[in-house]
N, C-alpha and C. Protein backbone atom coordinates (compact mmCIF):
# COMPACT_ATOMS: atom_id res chain seq x y z
N MET A 1 67.04 96.56 99.55
CA MET A 1 67.74 96.00 98.42
C MET A 1 66.77 95.18 97.59
N ALA A 2 66.92 95.22 96.29
CA ALA A 2 66.07 94.45 95.40
C ALA A 2 66.36 92.96 95.57
N ASP A 3 65.68 92.15 94.77
CA ASP A 3 65.92 90.71 94.83
C ASP A 3 67.39 90.41 94.62
N LYS A 4 67.91 89.48 95.39
CA LYS A 4 69.32 89.11 95.29
C LYS A 4 69.51 88.03 94.23
N THR A 5 70.56 88.17 93.45
CA THR A 5 70.96 87.14 92.50
C THR A 5 72.22 86.50 93.06
N PHE A 6 72.07 85.29 93.56
CA PHE A 6 73.20 84.59 94.15
C PHE A 6 74.15 84.12 93.06
N VAL A 7 75.44 84.26 93.30
CA VAL A 7 76.46 83.88 92.33
C VAL A 7 76.66 82.37 92.39
N ASN A 8 76.46 81.71 91.26
CA ASN A 8 76.65 80.26 91.19
C ASN A 8 78.13 79.93 91.08
N GLY A 9 78.53 78.87 91.77
CA GLY A 9 79.88 78.37 91.64
C GLY A 9 80.86 78.87 92.69
N PHE A 10 80.42 79.75 93.60
CA PHE A 10 81.30 80.24 94.67
C PHE A 10 80.94 79.52 95.96
N TYR A 11 81.95 78.95 96.62
CA TYR A 11 81.73 78.22 97.86
C TYR A 11 82.74 78.71 98.90
N PHE A 12 82.23 79.04 100.07
CA PHE A 12 83.06 79.61 101.14
C PHE A 12 83.16 78.67 102.32
N LYS A 13 84.32 78.66 102.95
CA LYS A 13 84.53 77.97 104.22
C LYS A 13 85.19 78.97 105.15
N VAL A 14 84.65 79.08 106.35
CA VAL A 14 85.21 79.99 107.35
C VAL A 14 85.94 79.15 108.38
N LYS A 15 87.20 79.48 108.59
CA LYS A 15 88.01 78.76 109.58
C LYS A 15 88.55 79.75 110.60
N GLU A 16 88.43 79.38 111.84
CA GLU A 16 89.03 80.17 112.92
C GLU A 16 90.40 79.58 113.21
N THR A 17 91.40 80.44 113.21
CA THR A 17 92.76 80.00 113.52
C THR A 17 93.30 80.86 114.65
N LYS A 18 94.48 80.54 115.11
CA LYS A 18 95.08 81.35 116.17
C LYS A 18 95.46 82.74 115.64
N PHE A 19 95.49 82.88 114.31
CA PHE A 19 95.82 84.16 113.70
C PHE A 19 94.59 84.98 113.35
N GLY A 20 93.43 84.42 113.58
CA GLY A 20 92.18 85.10 113.25
C GLY A 20 91.36 84.27 112.27
N GLU A 21 90.33 84.90 111.75
CA GLU A 21 89.42 84.22 110.84
C GLU A 21 89.99 84.18 109.42
N ILE A 22 89.88 83.02 108.79
CA ILE A 22 90.29 82.86 107.39
C ILE A 22 89.07 82.41 106.61
N ILE A 23 88.79 83.09 105.52
CA ILE A 23 87.70 82.69 104.64
C ILE A 23 88.31 82.09 103.39
N LYS A 24 88.01 80.81 103.17
CA LYS A 24 88.53 80.11 102.00
C LYS A 24 87.46 80.13 100.93
N LEU A 25 87.89 80.39 99.69
CA LEU A 25 86.98 80.47 98.56
C LEU A 25 87.29 79.36 97.58
N GLY A 26 86.27 78.59 97.21
CA GLY A 26 86.40 77.59 96.17
C GLY A 26 85.49 77.99 95.02
N ILE A 27 85.97 77.86 93.80
CA ILE A 27 85.18 78.25 92.63
C ILE A 27 85.00 77.02 91.74
N ASN A 28 83.74 76.66 91.49
CA ASN A 28 83.43 75.64 90.51
C ASN A 28 83.44 76.36 89.17
N ILE A 29 84.47 76.14 88.38
CA ILE A 29 84.71 76.92 87.17
C ILE A 29 83.57 76.76 86.17
N GLN A 30 83.06 75.57 85.99
CA GLN A 30 81.99 75.36 85.01
C GLN A 30 80.73 76.11 85.43
N GLN A 31 80.33 76.00 86.70
CA GLN A 31 79.13 76.71 87.18
C GLN A 31 79.32 78.22 87.08
N PHE A 32 80.49 78.70 87.46
CA PHE A 32 80.74 80.14 87.43
C PHE A 32 80.80 80.66 86.00
N ALA A 33 81.40 79.89 85.08
CA ALA A 33 81.47 80.31 83.68
C ALA A 33 80.07 80.46 83.08
N GLU A 34 79.18 79.52 83.40
CA GLU A 34 77.80 79.61 82.93
C GLU A 34 77.11 80.84 83.52
N PHE A 35 77.37 81.11 84.80
CA PHE A 35 76.79 82.28 85.46
C PHE A 35 77.28 83.56 84.79
N VAL A 36 78.56 83.62 84.47
CA VAL A 36 79.14 84.81 83.83
C VAL A 36 78.51 85.02 82.47
N LYS A 37 78.38 83.97 81.68
CA LYS A 37 77.77 84.09 80.35
C LYS A 37 76.36 84.65 80.45
N GLU A 38 75.62 84.23 81.46
CA GLU A 38 74.24 84.66 81.62
C GLU A 38 74.12 86.10 82.12
N HIS A 39 75.05 86.55 82.96
CA HIS A 39 74.92 87.86 83.61
C HIS A 39 75.93 88.90 83.17
N LYS A 40 76.80 88.57 82.25
CA LYS A 40 77.85 89.51 81.82
C LYS A 40 77.21 90.72 81.14
N ASP A 41 77.63 91.89 81.58
CA ASP A 41 77.14 93.14 81.00
C ASP A 41 78.33 94.10 80.94
N GLY A 42 79.18 93.93 79.96
CA GLY A 42 80.37 94.76 79.86
C GLY A 42 81.61 93.97 80.23
N GLU A 43 82.63 94.71 80.65
CA GLU A 43 83.93 94.11 80.94
C GLU A 43 84.02 93.47 82.31
N TYR A 44 83.20 93.94 83.26
CA TYR A 44 83.29 93.48 84.64
C TYR A 44 82.00 92.82 85.09
N LEU A 45 82.14 91.93 86.05
CA LEU A 45 81.00 91.33 86.75
C LEU A 45 81.24 91.64 88.22
N ASN A 46 80.46 92.55 88.77
CA ASN A 46 80.66 92.98 90.15
C ASN A 46 79.82 92.14 91.10
N MET A 47 80.45 91.78 92.22
CA MET A 47 79.78 90.97 93.23
C MET A 47 79.99 91.59 94.60
N ASP A 48 79.08 91.29 95.50
CA ASP A 48 79.23 91.66 96.90
C ASP A 48 79.34 90.37 97.71
N ILE A 49 80.27 90.33 98.64
CA ILE A 49 80.39 89.20 99.55
C ILE A 49 79.70 89.64 100.84
N LEU A 50 78.64 88.95 101.18
CA LEU A 50 77.84 89.27 102.35
C LEU A 50 77.93 88.14 103.36
N ARG A 51 77.37 88.37 104.54
CA ARG A 51 77.38 87.36 105.59
C ARG A 51 75.95 87.20 106.11
N SER A 52 75.51 85.96 106.20
CA SER A 52 74.17 85.66 106.68
C SER A 52 74.02 86.12 108.13
N ARG A 53 72.89 86.73 108.43
CA ARG A 53 72.64 87.18 109.81
C ARG A 53 72.48 85.99 110.75
N GLU A 54 71.80 84.95 110.27
CA GLU A 54 71.51 83.80 111.13
C GLU A 54 72.72 82.90 111.32
N THR A 55 73.32 82.47 110.21
CA THR A 55 74.39 81.48 110.29
C THR A 55 75.79 82.08 110.26
N LYS A 56 75.87 83.35 109.90
CA LYS A 56 77.16 84.08 109.79
C LYS A 56 78.03 83.54 108.66
N LYS A 57 77.46 82.72 107.76
CA LYS A 57 78.22 82.18 106.64
C LYS A 57 78.26 83.21 105.51
N PRO A 58 79.42 83.34 104.85
CA PRO A 58 79.51 84.28 103.73
C PRO A 58 78.87 83.71 102.46
N TYR A 59 78.40 84.61 101.62
CA TYR A 59 77.86 84.23 100.32
C TYR A 59 78.06 85.39 99.36
N ALA A 60 77.99 85.10 98.07
CA ALA A 60 78.22 86.12 97.04
C ALA A 60 76.92 86.41 96.31
N VAL A 61 76.66 87.71 96.08
CA VAL A 61 75.51 88.13 95.29
C VAL A 61 75.99 89.06 94.17
N LEU A 62 75.26 89.05 93.09
CA LEU A 62 75.57 89.90 91.96
C LEU A 62 75.25 91.35 92.30
N ASP A 63 76.18 92.26 92.04
CA ASP A 63 75.96 93.69 92.25
C ASP A 63 75.39 94.25 90.95
N THR A 64 74.12 94.62 90.97
CA THR A 64 73.44 95.09 89.77
C THR A 64 73.29 96.60 89.74
N TYR A 65 73.96 97.31 90.63
CA TYR A 65 73.84 98.77 90.69
C TYR A 65 74.36 99.39 89.40
N LYS A 66 73.59 100.30 88.85
CA LYS A 66 74.00 101.05 87.67
C LYS A 66 73.89 102.53 88.00
N LYS A 67 74.97 103.25 87.80
CA LYS A 67 74.98 104.68 88.04
C LYS A 67 74.13 105.35 86.97
N GLU A 68 73.24 106.23 87.41
CA GLU A 68 72.39 106.93 86.47
C GLU A 68 73.20 107.98 85.73
N GLU A 69 73.08 107.97 84.42
CA GLU A 69 73.77 108.96 83.59
C GLU A 69 72.95 110.24 83.61
N THR A 70 73.56 111.33 84.05
CA THR A 70 72.88 112.62 84.04
C THR A 70 73.67 113.57 83.17
N LYS A 71 72.96 114.20 82.27
CA LYS A 71 73.60 115.19 81.41
C LYS A 71 73.24 116.56 81.94
N GLU A 72 74.25 117.27 82.36
CA GLU A 72 74.04 118.62 82.88
C GLU A 72 74.03 119.61 81.74
N GLU A 73 72.97 120.41 81.70
CA GLU A 73 72.88 121.46 80.70
C GLU A 73 73.75 122.63 81.18
N PRO A 74 74.52 123.24 80.29
CA PRO A 74 75.32 124.39 80.71
C PRO A 74 74.42 125.54 81.13
N LYS A 75 74.79 126.18 82.22
CA LYS A 75 74.03 127.31 82.75
C LYS A 75 74.42 128.57 81.97
N PRO A 76 73.49 129.48 81.80
CA PRO A 76 73.81 130.71 81.06
C PRO A 76 74.97 131.49 81.67
N GLU A 77 75.11 131.48 83.00
CA GLU A 77 76.19 132.23 83.63
C GLU A 77 77.55 131.57 83.42
N ASP A 78 77.55 130.34 82.92
CA ASP A 78 78.80 129.65 82.61
C ASP A 78 79.36 130.01 81.24
N ASN A 79 78.72 130.93 80.57
CA ASN A 79 79.11 131.31 79.22
C ASN A 79 80.34 132.22 79.27
N ILE A 80 81.49 131.62 79.38
CA ILE A 80 82.74 132.38 79.45
C ILE A 80 83.14 132.76 78.04
N GLY A 81 83.55 134.00 77.87
CA GLY A 81 83.95 134.46 76.56
C GLY A 81 82.77 135.00 75.77
N GLY A 82 81.60 135.04 76.38
CA GLY A 82 80.44 135.60 75.71
C GLY A 82 80.53 137.12 75.65
N SER A 83 79.52 137.74 75.07
CA SER A 83 79.55 139.18 74.90
C SER A 83 79.16 139.93 76.17
N GLU A 84 78.57 139.28 77.14
CA GLU A 84 78.15 139.97 78.36
C GLU A 84 79.20 139.78 79.45
N LEU A 85 80.12 140.71 79.59
CA LEU A 85 81.15 140.65 80.63
C LEU A 85 80.67 141.44 81.84
N PRO A 86 81.03 141.02 83.04
CA PRO A 86 80.54 141.69 84.25
C PRO A 86 81.17 143.06 84.49
N PHE A 87 82.11 143.53 83.71
CA PHE A 87 82.73 144.85 83.93
C PHE A 87 82.73 145.68 82.69
């Protein structure tokens, strides 16, 4: 994975209860709003919630994956309605 961009303004607390693990999320709105302004690229801001290997604490990183746009050229055999019919 490339360099991680940690999301500012997200704070996690992990609590163990008799019902299982609960992850509480706190958002510092001012810090997060500044982060969004800086990293916004379109309508969505995608993040991944990961867990530290050492401390097992969750943290948020910016998901910067961009799907590569590929333009497929039509193949000659895809020419339906052309003059060369197979029969």
